[in-house]
């Protein structure tokens, strides 16, 4: 996933989108989430995991004000 694609994400990001941004497999993402070891704080809504785009950006070292280059 490119820097610009990450910057264009919604405020809340689903687990699979975050996994793609982190170059992580679906299996690994769900395993880490279930074990509460995902590298970014997750929120669970029913059976779905979500995380804040701002937390993903911070983990990736991307500023909200980056121009995507």
C-alpha atoms as a PDB file:
ATOM      1  CA  UNK A   1       0.000   0.000   0.000  1.00  0.00           C
ATOM      2  CA  UNK A   2       1.429   3.378  -0.978  1.00  0.00           C
ATOM      3  CA  UNK A   3       1.836   6.323   1.374  1.00  0.00           C
ATOM      4  CA  UNK A   4      -0.903   8.186  -0.506  1.00  0.00           C
ATOM      5  CA  UNK A   5      -3.299   5.227  -0.169  1.00  0.00           C
ATOM      6  CA  UNK A   6      -2.709   5.207   3.581  1.00  0.00           C
ATOM      7  CA  UNK A   7      -3.259   8.966   3.780  1.00  0.00           C
ATOM      8  CA  UNK A   8      -6.532   8.577   1.863  1.00  0.00           C
ATOM      9  CA  UNK A   9      -7.998   6.047   4.327  1.00  0.00           C
ATOM     10  CA  UNK A  10     -11.094   6.820   6.396  1.00  0.00           C
ATOM     11  CA  UNK A  11     -10.777   7.902  10.021  1.00  0.00           C
ATOM     12  CA  UNK A  12     -11.414   4.327  11.200  1.00  0.00           C
ATOM     13  CA  UNK A  13      -9.689   1.471   9.377  1.00  0.00           C
ATOM     14  CA  UNK A  14     -10.684  -2.205   9.326  1.00  0.00           C
ATOM     15  CA  UNK A  15      -8.199  -4.886  10.307  1.00  0.00           C
ATOM     16  CA  UNK A  16      -7.611  -6.179   6.770  1.00  0.00           C
ATOM     17  CA  UNK A  17      -6.806  -2.713   5.440  1.00  0.00           C
ATOM     18  CA  UNK A  18      -4.373  -2.163   8.300  1.00  0.00           C
ATOM     19  CA  UNK A  19      -2.815  -5.571   7.658  1.00  0.00           C
ATOM     20  CA  UNK A  20      -2.325  -4.643   4.006  1.00  0.00           C
ATOM     21  CA  UNK A  21      -0.658  -1.359   4.999  1.00  0.00           C
ATOM     22  CA  UNK A  22       1.632  -3.310   7.344  1.00  0.00           C
ATOM     23  CA  UNK A  23       2.343  -5.990   4.706  1.00  0.00           C
ATOM     24  CA  UNK A  24       0.872  -8.613   7.015  1.00  0.00           C
ATOM     25  CA  UNK A  25      -1.178 -11.670   6.110  1.00  0.00           C
ATOM     26  CA  UNK A  26      -4.838 -12.012   7.074  1.00  0.00           C
ATOM     27  CA  UNK A  27      -4.017 -14.997   9.281  1.00  0.00           C
ATOM     28  CA  UNK A  28      -1.270 -13.144  11.137  1.00  0.00           C
ATOM     29  CA  UNK A  29      -3.429 -10.034  11.610  1.00  0.00           C
ATOM     30  CA  UNK A  30      -6.300 -12.006  13.140  1.00  0.00           C
ATOM     31  CA  UNK A  31      -3.946 -14.101  15.256  1.00  0.00           C
ATOM     32  CA  UNK A  32      -2.265 -11.003  16.699  1.00  0.00           C
ATOM     33  CA  UNK A  33      -5.625  -9.292  17.226  1.00  0.00           C
ATOM     34  CA  UNK A  34      -7.062 -12.310  19.048  1.00  0.00           C
ATOM     35  CA  UNK A  35      -3.968 -12.503  21.265  1.00  0.00           C
ATOM     36  CA  UNK A  36      -4.122  -8.725  21.850  1.00  0.00           C
ATOM     37  CA  UNK A  37      -0.641  -8.387  20.319  1.00  0.00           C
ATOM     38  CA  UNK A  38      -1.504  -6.365  17.199  1.00  0.00           C
ATOM     39  CA  UNK A  39       1.106  -3.577  17.009  1.00  0.00           C
ATOM     40  CA  UNK A  40      -1.568  -0.848  16.933  1.00  0.00           C
ATOM     41  CA  UNK A  41      -4.393  -0.411  19.434  1.00  0.00           C
ATOM     42  CA  UNK A  42      -7.571  -2.049  18.142  1.00  0.00           C
ATOM     43  CA  UNK A  43     -11.184  -1.397  19.013  1.00  0.00           C
ATOM     44  CA  UNK A  44     -13.654  -4.233  18.690  1.00  0.00           C
ATOM     45  CA  UNK A  45     -17.188  -3.562  17.454  1.00  0.00           C
ATOM     46  CA  UNK A  46     -19.099  -6.819  17.747  1.00  0.00           C
ATOM     47  CA  UNK A  47     -16.892  -9.278  15.899  1.00  0.00           C
ATOM     48  CA  UNK A  48     -15.081  -6.607  13.855  1.00  0.00           C
ATOM     49  CA  UNK A  49     -11.782  -4.964  14.637  1.00  0.00           C
ATOM     50  CA  UNK A  50     -11.127  -1.309  13.804  1.00  0.00           C
ATOM     51  CA  UNK A  51      -8.279   1.070  14.479  1.00  0.00           C
ATOM     52  CA  UNK A  52      -7.724   4.784  14.100  1.00  0.00           C
ATOM     53  CA  UNK A  53      -6.070   5.944  10.899  1.00  0.00           C
ATOM     54  CA  UNK A  54      -4.021   8.389  12.992  1.00  0.00           C
ATOM     55  CA  UNK A  55      -2.585   5.463  14.998  1.00  0.00           C
ATOM     56  CA  UNK A  56      -1.713   3.622  11.777  1.00  0.00           C
ATOM     57  CA  UNK A  57      -0.043   6.743  10.377  1.00  0.00           C
ATOM     58  CA  UNK A  58       1.948   7.224  13.586  1.00  0.00           C
ATOM     59  CA  UNK A  59       3.080   3.579  13.576  1.00  0.00           C
ATOM     60  CA  UNK A  60       4.197   3.918   9.945  1.00  0.00           C
ATOM     61  CA  UNK A  61       5.925   7.241  10.637  1.00  0.00           C
ATOM     62  CA  UNK A  62       3.690   9.151   8.220  1.00  0.00           C
ATOM     63  CA  UNK A  63       2.529  12.655   9.107  1.00  0.00           C
ATOM     64  CA  UNK A  64      -1.101  13.665   8.523  1.00  0.00           C
ATOM     65  CA  UNK A  65       0.270  16.673   6.665  1.00  0.00           C
ATOM     66  CA  UNK A  66       2.434  14.641   4.255  1.00  0.00           C
ATOM     67  CA  UNK A  67       1.661  15.263   0.623  1.00  0.00           C
ATOM     68  CA  UNK A  68       1.961  11.567  -0.197  1.00  0.00           C
ATOM     69  CA  UNK A  69       5.379  11.773  -1.893  1.00  0.00           C
END
